[in-house]
């Protein structure tokens, strides 16, 4: 087998993943595009390992390491996306530019004397009293 076939396929996969990272707005699709790019790297590692006939199979060992890192990245990335979606109601990357402002405003700080008084929630019904 020629080395050009998997190398070209890996280059195409990486370019599609790069386009997905740069052009997509949804955070889940961005994570999927990153996974596509990592799989292109894995394909190159295995192809060069077979082509070089390495007795230690270093390319395959690095591929297993990359798969492990990708699994951890997806786990943490999806957790972050879910928390952002729950707090902001959107997973649109363009709308999340001002995360530092919104995080600073949602911290539990004591109210200042200049703040208007807020309505206390009704403990029985769980919503604001009318």
N, C-alpha and C. Protein backbone atom coordinates (compact mmCIF):
# COMPACT_ATOMS: atom_id res chain seq x y z
N UNK A 1 0.83 -1.17 0.00
CA UNK A 1 0.00 0.00 0.00
C UNK A 1 0.89 1.25 0.00
N UNK A 2 0.50 2.20 -0.81
CA UNK A 2 1.26 3.44 -0.89
C UNK A 2 0.93 4.33 0.31
N UNK A 3 1.89 5.11 0.70
CA UNK A 3 1.70 6.02 1.82
C UNK A 3 0.83 7.22 1.43
N UNK A 4 0.73 7.48 0.13
CA UNK A 4 0.00 8.67 -0.31
C UNK A 4 -1.50 8.57 -0.02
N UNK A 5 -2.08 7.38 -0.11
CA UNK A 5 -3.53 7.24 0.09
C UNK A 5 -3.97 7.63 1.50
N UNK A 6 -3.39 7.04 2.54
CA UNK A 6 -3.83 7.48 3.87
C UNK A 6 -3.41 8.92 4.19
N UNK A 7 -2.31 9.38 3.63
CA UNK A 7 -1.87 10.76 3.89
C UNK A 7 -2.84 11.76 3.28
N UNK A 8 -3.30 11.49 2.07
CA UNK A 8 -4.26 12.38 1.43
C UNK A 8 -5.60 12.34 2.17
N UNK A 9 -6.03 11.15 2.57
CA UNK A 9 -7.27 11.02 3.33
C UNK A 9 -7.17 11.76 4.66
N UNK A 10 -6.04 11.63 5.33
CA UNK A 10 -5.84 12.34 6.60
C UNK A 10 -5.82 13.85 6.39
N UNK A 11 -5.22 14.31 5.30
CA UNK A 11 -5.20 15.74 5.01
C UNK A 11 -6.61 16.27 4.75
N UNK A 12 -7.41 15.48 4.02
CA UNK A 12 -8.80 15.89 3.77
C UNK A 12 -9.61 15.92 5.07
N UNK A 13 -9.45 14.91 5.91
CA UNK A 13 -10.16 14.89 7.19
C UNK A 13 -9.75 16.07 8.06
N UNK A 14 -8.45 16.37 8.09
CA UNK A 14 -7.98 17.48 8.89
C UNK A 14 -8.52 18.81 8.37
N UNK A 15 -8.57 18.97 7.05
CA UNK A 15 -9.09 20.22 6.47
C UNK A 15 -10.58 20.37 6.76
N UNK A 16 -11.34 19.28 6.69
CA UNK A 16 -12.76 19.34 7.01
C UNK A 16 -12.95 19.70 8.49
N UNK A 17 -12.14 19.12 9.35
CA UNK A 17 -12.21 19.45 10.77
C UNK A 17 -11.83 20.89 11.04
N UNK A 18 -10.81 21.37 10.36
CA UNK A 18 -10.38 22.76 10.54
C UNK A 18 -11.47 23.72 10.07
N UNK A 19 -12.11 23.40 8.96
CA UNK A 19 -13.23 24.22 8.48
C UNK A 19 -14.36 24.22 9.51
N UNK A 20 -14.63 23.06 10.10
CA UNK A 20 -15.68 22.97 11.10
C UNK A 20 -15.37 23.78 12.34
N UNK A 21 -14.12 23.82 12.75
CA UNK A 21 -13.74 24.61 13.93
C UNK A 21 -13.86 26.10 13.63
N UNK A 22 -13.47 26.50 12.44
CA UNK A 22 -13.46 27.94 12.12
C UNK A 22 -14.83 28.47 11.70
N UNK A 23 -15.69 27.64 11.12
CA UNK A 23 -16.93 28.15 10.55
C UNK A 23 -18.17 27.85 11.39
N UNK A 24 -18.13 26.90 12.27
CA UNK A 24 -19.33 26.52 13.01
C UNK A 24 -19.57 27.44 14.19
N UNK A 25 -20.85 27.55 14.56
CA UNK A 25 -21.22 28.37 15.70
C UNK A 25 -21.60 27.53 16.90
N UNK A 26 -22.06 26.33 16.68
CA UNK A 26 -22.50 25.47 17.77
C UNK A 26 -21.28 24.83 18.42
N UNK A 27 -21.23 24.87 19.73
CA UNK A 27 -20.06 24.36 20.46
C UNK A 27 -19.91 22.85 20.32
N UNK A 28 -21.02 22.13 20.22
CA UNK A 28 -20.94 20.67 20.06
C UNK A 28 -20.34 20.32 18.71
N UNK A 29 -20.72 21.05 17.67
CA UNK A 29 -20.14 20.80 16.35
C UNK A 29 -18.66 21.17 16.30
N UNK A 30 -18.26 22.16 17.06
CA UNK A 30 -16.84 22.51 17.14
C UNK A 30 -16.07 21.36 17.79
N UNK A 31 -16.63 20.77 18.86
CA UNK A 31 -15.98 19.62 19.50
C UNK A 31 -15.90 18.43 18.56
N UNK A 32 -16.94 18.21 17.75
CA UNK A 32 -16.90 17.12 16.78
C UNK A 32 -15.84 17.37 15.71
N UNK A 33 -15.65 18.62 15.34
CA UNK A 33 -14.62 18.95 14.35
C UNK A 33 -13.23 18.74 14.92
N UNK A 34 -13.05 19.04 16.19
CA UNK A 34 -11.76 18.78 16.84
C UNK A 34 -11.48 17.28 16.87
N UNK A 35 -12.51 16.48 17.11
CA UNK A 35 -12.35 15.02 17.10
C UNK A 35 -11.98 14.53 15.70
N UNK A 36 -12.55 15.14 14.68
CA UNK A 36 -12.21 14.77 13.31
C UNK A 36 -10.75 15.08 13.01
N UNK A 37 -10.25 16.19 13.52
CA UNK A 37 -8.85 16.53 13.33
C UNK A 37 -7.94 15.55 14.08
N UNK A 38 -8.32 15.15 15.28
CA UNK A 38 -7.52 14.18 16.02
C UNK A 38 -7.52 12.82 15.33
N UNK A 39 -8.63 12.44 14.73
CA UNK A 39 -8.65 11.18 13.99
C UNK A 39 -7.78 11.23 12.74
N UNK A 40 -7.66 12.39 12.13
CA UNK A 40 -6.75 12.53 10.99
C UNK A 40 -5.30 12.35 11.45
N UNK A 41 -4.98 12.88 12.61
CA UNK A 41 -3.63 12.70 13.17
C UNK A 41 -3.39 11.22 13.48
N UNK A 42 -4.39 10.55 14.04
CA UNK A 42 -4.27 9.12 14.34
C UNK A 42 -4.04 8.30 13.07
N UNK A 43 -4.74 8.65 12.01
CA UNK A 43 -4.56 7.94 10.74
C UNK A 43 -3.14 8.12 10.22
N UNK A 44 -2.60 9.32 10.33
CA UNK A 44 -1.21 9.55 9.92
C UNK A 44 -0.23 8.77 10.78
N UNK A 45 -0.45 8.74 12.09
CA UNK A 45 0.45 8.00 12.97
C UNK A 45 0.49 6.51 12.63
N UNK A 46 -0.66 5.93 12.41
CA UNK A 46 -0.70 4.50 12.09
C UNK A 46 -0.13 4.24 10.70
N UNK A 47 -0.43 5.11 9.73
CA UNK A 47 0.09 4.92 8.37
C UNK A 47 1.61 5.00 8.34
N UNK A 48 2.18 5.95 9.04
CA UNK A 48 3.64 6.06 9.05
C UNK A 48 4.27 4.93 9.87
N UNK A 49 3.57 4.43 10.87
CA UNK A 49 4.08 3.30 11.63
C UNK A 49 4.15 2.05 10.75
N UNK A 50 3.13 1.84 9.94
CA UNK A 50 3.14 0.69 9.02
C UNK A 50 4.18 0.89 7.93
N UNK A 51 4.30 2.10 7.44
CA UNK A 51 5.23 2.37 6.34
C UNK A 51 6.68 2.21 6.79
N UNK A 52 6.99 2.66 8.01
CA UNK A 52 8.37 2.56 8.51
C UNK A 52 8.70 1.18 9.07
N UNK A 53 7.70 0.33 9.29
CA UNK A 53 7.87 -1.01 9.86
C UNK A 53 8.66 -0.94 11.17
N UNK A 54 8.17 -0.08 12.04
CA UNK A 54 8.81 0.12 13.35
C UNK A 54 8.54 -1.11 14.22
N UNK A 55 9.59 -1.65 14.83
CA UNK A 55 9.42 -2.85 15.66
C UNK A 55 8.79 -2.50 17.01
N UNK A 56 8.93 -1.26 17.45
CA UNK A 56 8.33 -0.84 18.72
C UNK A 56 6.88 -0.38 18.55
N UNK A 57 6.46 -0.16 17.32
CA UNK A 57 5.12 0.34 17.01
C UNK A 57 4.82 1.62 17.77
N UNK A 58 5.72 2.56 17.66
CA UNK A 58 5.58 3.83 18.37
C UNK A 58 4.39 4.63 17.85
N UNK A 59 4.09 4.54 16.58
CA UNK A 59 2.94 5.26 16.02
C UNK A 59 1.63 4.76 16.60
N UNK A 60 1.53 3.45 16.77
CA UNK A 60 0.31 2.89 17.34
C UNK A 60 0.20 3.23 18.83
N UNK A 61 1.32 3.26 19.52
CA UNK A 61 1.30 3.64 20.93
C UNK A 61 0.89 5.11 21.09
N UNK A 62 1.40 5.97 20.24
CA UNK A 62 0.99 7.37 20.28
C UNK A 62 -0.48 7.54 19.90
N UNK A 63 -0.97 6.68 19.01
CA UNK A 63 -2.38 6.71 18.65
C UNK A 63 -3.25 6.37 19.85
N UNK A 64 -2.87 5.36 20.61
CA UNK A 64 -3.63 5.03 21.83
C UNK A 64 -3.61 6.18 22.83
N UNK A 65 -2.47 6.83 22.96
CA UNK A 65 -2.38 7.99 23.84
C UNK A 65 -3.29 9.12 23.34
N UNK A 66 -3.31 9.34 22.04
CA UNK A 66 -4.15 10.39 21.47
C UNK A 66 -5.64 10.08 21.66
N UNK A 67 -6.01 8.81 21.52
CA UNK A 67 -7.40 8.41 21.74
C UNK A 67 -7.79 8.66 23.20
N UNK A 68 -6.89 8.38 24.12
CA UNK A 68 -7.16 8.62 25.54
C UNK A 68 -7.34 10.11 25.82
N UNK A 69 -6.48 10.93 25.26
CA UNK A 69 -6.59 12.38 25.43
C UNK A 69 -7.88 12.89 24.79
N UNK A 70 -8.26 12.35 23.64
CA UNK A 70 -9.48 12.77 22.97
C UNK A 70 -10.72 12.40 23.80
N UNK A 71 -10.70 11.24 24.43
CA UNK A 71 -11.83 10.85 25.27
C UNK A 71 -11.96 11.78 26.47
N UNK A 72 -10.85 12.14 27.08
CA UNK A 72 -10.89 13.07 28.21
C UNK A 72 -11.34 14.45 27.75
N UNK A 73 -10.89 14.85 26.58
CA UNK A 73 -11.27 16.16 26.05
C UNK A 73 -12.76 16.23 25.78
N UNK A 74 -13.32 15.17 25.24
CA UNK A 74 -14.76 15.15 24.96
C UNK A 74 -15.55 15.15 26.26
N UNK A 75 -15.10 14.41 27.24
CA UNK A 75 -15.81 14.38 28.52
C UNK A 75 -15.84 15.75 29.18
N UNK A 76 -14.70 16.41 29.25
CA UNK A 76 -14.64 17.74 29.85
C UNK A 76 -15.31 18.79 28.98
N UNK A 77 -15.12 18.68 27.68
CA UNK A 77 -15.71 19.65 26.77
C UNK A 77 -17.23 19.62 26.80
N UNK A 78 -17.81 18.43 26.80
CA UNK A 78 -19.26 18.33 26.86
C UNK A 78 -19.80 18.81 28.21
N UNK A 79 -19.06 18.56 29.28
CA UNK A 79 -19.48 19.07 30.58
C UNK A 79 -19.49 20.59 30.60
N UNK A 80 -18.48 21.20 30.03
CA UNK A 80 -18.43 22.67 29.96
C UNK A 80 -19.55 23.21 29.08
N UNK A 81 -19.79 22.56 27.94
CA UNK A 81 -20.85 23.01 27.04
C UNK A 81 -22.21 22.89 27.72
N UNK A 82 -22.45 21.81 28.45
CA UNK A 82 -23.72 21.65 29.15
C UNK A 82 -23.91 22.70 30.23
N UNK A 83 -22.86 23.00 30.96
CA UNK A 83 -22.97 24.03 32.00
C UNK A 83 -23.21 25.41 31.40
N UNK A 84 -22.55 25.72 30.29
CA UNK A 84 -22.78 27.00 29.62
C UNK A 84 -24.19 27.06 29.06
N UNK A 85 -24.67 25.95 28.52
CA UNK A 85 -26.02 25.92 27.96
C UNK A 85 -27.06 26.09 29.07
N UNK A 86 -26.82 25.48 30.21
CA UNK A 86 -27.77 25.63 31.32
C UNK A 86 -27.78 27.05 31.88
N UNK A 87 -26.64 27.68 31.93
CA UNK A 87 -26.59 29.02 32.52
C UNK A 87 -26.99 30.12 31.53
N UNK A 88 -26.69 29.94 30.24
CA UNK A 88 -26.97 31.00 29.26
C UNK A 88 -28.10 30.66 28.30
N UNK A 89 -28.48 29.40 28.21
CA UNK A 89 -29.57 29.02 27.33
C UNK A 89 -29.17 28.87 25.88
N UNK A 90 -27.90 28.91 25.56
CA UNK A 90 -27.45 28.74 24.18
C UNK A 90 -26.08 28.09 24.17
N UNK A 91 -25.81 27.39 23.07
CA UNK A 91 -24.49 26.81 22.86
C UNK A 91 -23.81 27.47 21.67
N UNK A 92 -24.32 28.64 21.28
CA UNK A 92 -23.77 29.39 20.16
C UNK A 92 -22.47 30.06 20.60
N UNK A 93 -21.40 29.75 19.90
CA UNK A 93 -20.08 30.24 20.28
C UNK A 93 -19.99 31.75 20.11
N UNK A 94 -20.64 32.31 19.10
CA UNK A 94 -20.57 33.76 18.87
C UNK A 94 -21.27 34.55 19.98
N UNK A 95 -22.30 33.99 20.57
CA UNK A 95 -23.02 34.69 21.63
C UNK A 95 -22.32 34.57 22.98
N UNK A 96 -21.32 33.72 23.06
CA UNK A 96 -20.62 33.49 24.32
C UNK A 96 -19.30 34.25 24.38
N UNK A 97 -19.19 35.33 23.67
CA UNK A 97 -17.95 36.11 23.67
C UNK A 97 -17.74 36.82 25.01
N UNK A 98 -18.82 37.22 25.65
CA UNK A 98 -18.72 37.99 26.88
C UNK A 98 -18.91 37.11 28.10
N UNK A 99 -18.28 35.96 28.12
CA UNK A 99 -18.43 35.05 29.25
C UNK A 99 -17.87 35.62 30.53
N UNK A 100 -16.81 36.38 30.45
CA UNK A 100 -16.21 36.91 31.68
C UNK A 100 -17.14 37.92 32.33
N UNK A 101 -17.87 38.70 31.54
CA UNK A 101 -18.81 39.65 32.11
C UNK A 101 -19.98 38.93 32.77
N UNK A 102 -20.48 37.90 32.12
CA UNK A 102 -21.63 37.20 32.68
C UNK A 102 -21.25 36.35 33.89
N UNK A 103 -20.04 35.83 33.91
CA UNK A 103 -19.60 35.06 35.07
C UNK A 103 -19.41 35.99 36.26
N UNK A 104 -18.86 37.16 36.03
CA UNK A 104 -18.66 38.10 37.12
C UNK A 104 -19.99 38.60 37.67
N UNK A 105 -21.01 38.69 36.83
CA UNK A 105 -22.30 39.18 37.31
C UNK A 105 -23.09 38.10 38.03
N UNK A 106 -22.78 36.83 37.83
CA UNK A 106 -23.54 35.76 38.46
C UNK A 106 -22.88 35.22 39.73
N UNK A 107 -21.79 35.82 40.17
CA UNK A 107 -21.15 35.35 41.39
C UNK A 107 -22.00 35.74 42.59
N UNK A 108 -21.86 35.01 43.65
CA UNK A 108 -22.64 35.26 44.86
C UNK A 108 -21.96 36.34 45.69
N UNK A 109 -22.22 37.56 45.35
CA UNK A 109 -21.67 38.67 46.11
C UNK A 109 -22.80 39.30 46.92
N UNK A 110 -22.48 39.84 48.06
CA UNK A 110 -23.55 40.47 48.84
C UNK A 110 -24.09 41.69 48.12
N UNK A 111 -25.38 41.96 48.26
CA UNK A 111 -25.95 43.12 47.57
C UNK A 111 -25.43 44.42 48.16
N UNK A 112 -25.21 45.37 47.30
CA UNK A 112 -24.74 46.67 47.76
C UNK A 112 -25.94 47.49 48.24
N UNK A 113 -25.71 48.50 49.05
CA UNK A 113 -26.83 49.32 49.54
C UNK A 113 -27.54 50.08 48.43
N UNK A 114 -26.87 50.28 47.28
CA UNK A 114 -27.48 51.02 46.18
C UNK A 114 -28.41 50.17 45.33
N UNK A 115 -28.35 48.83 45.47
CA UNK A 115 -29.19 47.93 44.68
C UNK A 115 -30.63 48.05 45.14
N UNK A 116 -31.59 47.99 44.19
CA UNK A 116 -33.00 48.02 44.60
C UNK A 116 -33.35 46.72 45.32
N UNK A 117 -34.30 46.76 46.24
CA UNK A 117 -34.66 45.54 46.96
C UNK A 117 -35.32 44.54 46.02
N UNK A 118 -34.97 43.30 46.19
CA UNK A 118 -35.54 42.25 45.35
C UNK A 118 -36.69 41.60 46.08
N UNK A 119 -37.58 40.99 45.30
CA UNK A 119 -38.71 40.29 45.90
C UNK A 119 -38.24 38.95 46.42
N UNK A 120 -38.66 38.63 47.63
CA UNK A 120 -38.29 37.33 48.19
C UNK A 120 -39.21 36.26 47.62
N UNK A 121 -38.64 35.11 47.23
CA UNK A 121 -39.49 34.05 46.70
C UNK A 121 -40.37 33.45 47.79
N UNK A 122 -41.55 33.03 47.39
CA UNK A 122 -42.47 32.39 48.31
C UNK A 122 -41.97 31.00 48.62
N UNK A 123 -41.67 30.65 49.89
CA UNK A 123 -41.09 29.34 50.17
C UNK A 123 -42.03 28.18 49.89
N UNK A 124 -43.34 28.45 49.85
CA UNK A 124 -44.30 27.36 49.61
C UNK A 124 -44.38 27.04 48.13
N UNK A 125 -44.52 28.06 47.30
CA UNK A 125 -44.71 27.83 45.87
C UNK A 125 -43.42 27.84 45.08
N UNK A 126 -42.37 28.42 45.58
CA UNK A 126 -41.10 28.44 44.89
C UNK A 126 -40.96 29.51 43.86
N UNK A 127 -41.91 30.47 43.84
CA UNK A 127 -41.79 31.59 42.90
C UNK A 127 -42.08 32.90 43.61
N UNK A 128 -41.88 33.98 42.95
CA UNK A 128 -42.00 35.29 43.59
C UNK A 128 -43.45 35.55 43.98
N UNK A 129 -43.62 36.14 45.12
CA UNK A 129 -44.97 36.47 45.59
C UNK A 129 -45.48 37.67 44.82
N UNK A 130 -46.78 37.67 44.50
CA UNK A 130 -47.37 38.75 43.71
C UNK A 130 -47.83 39.89 44.57
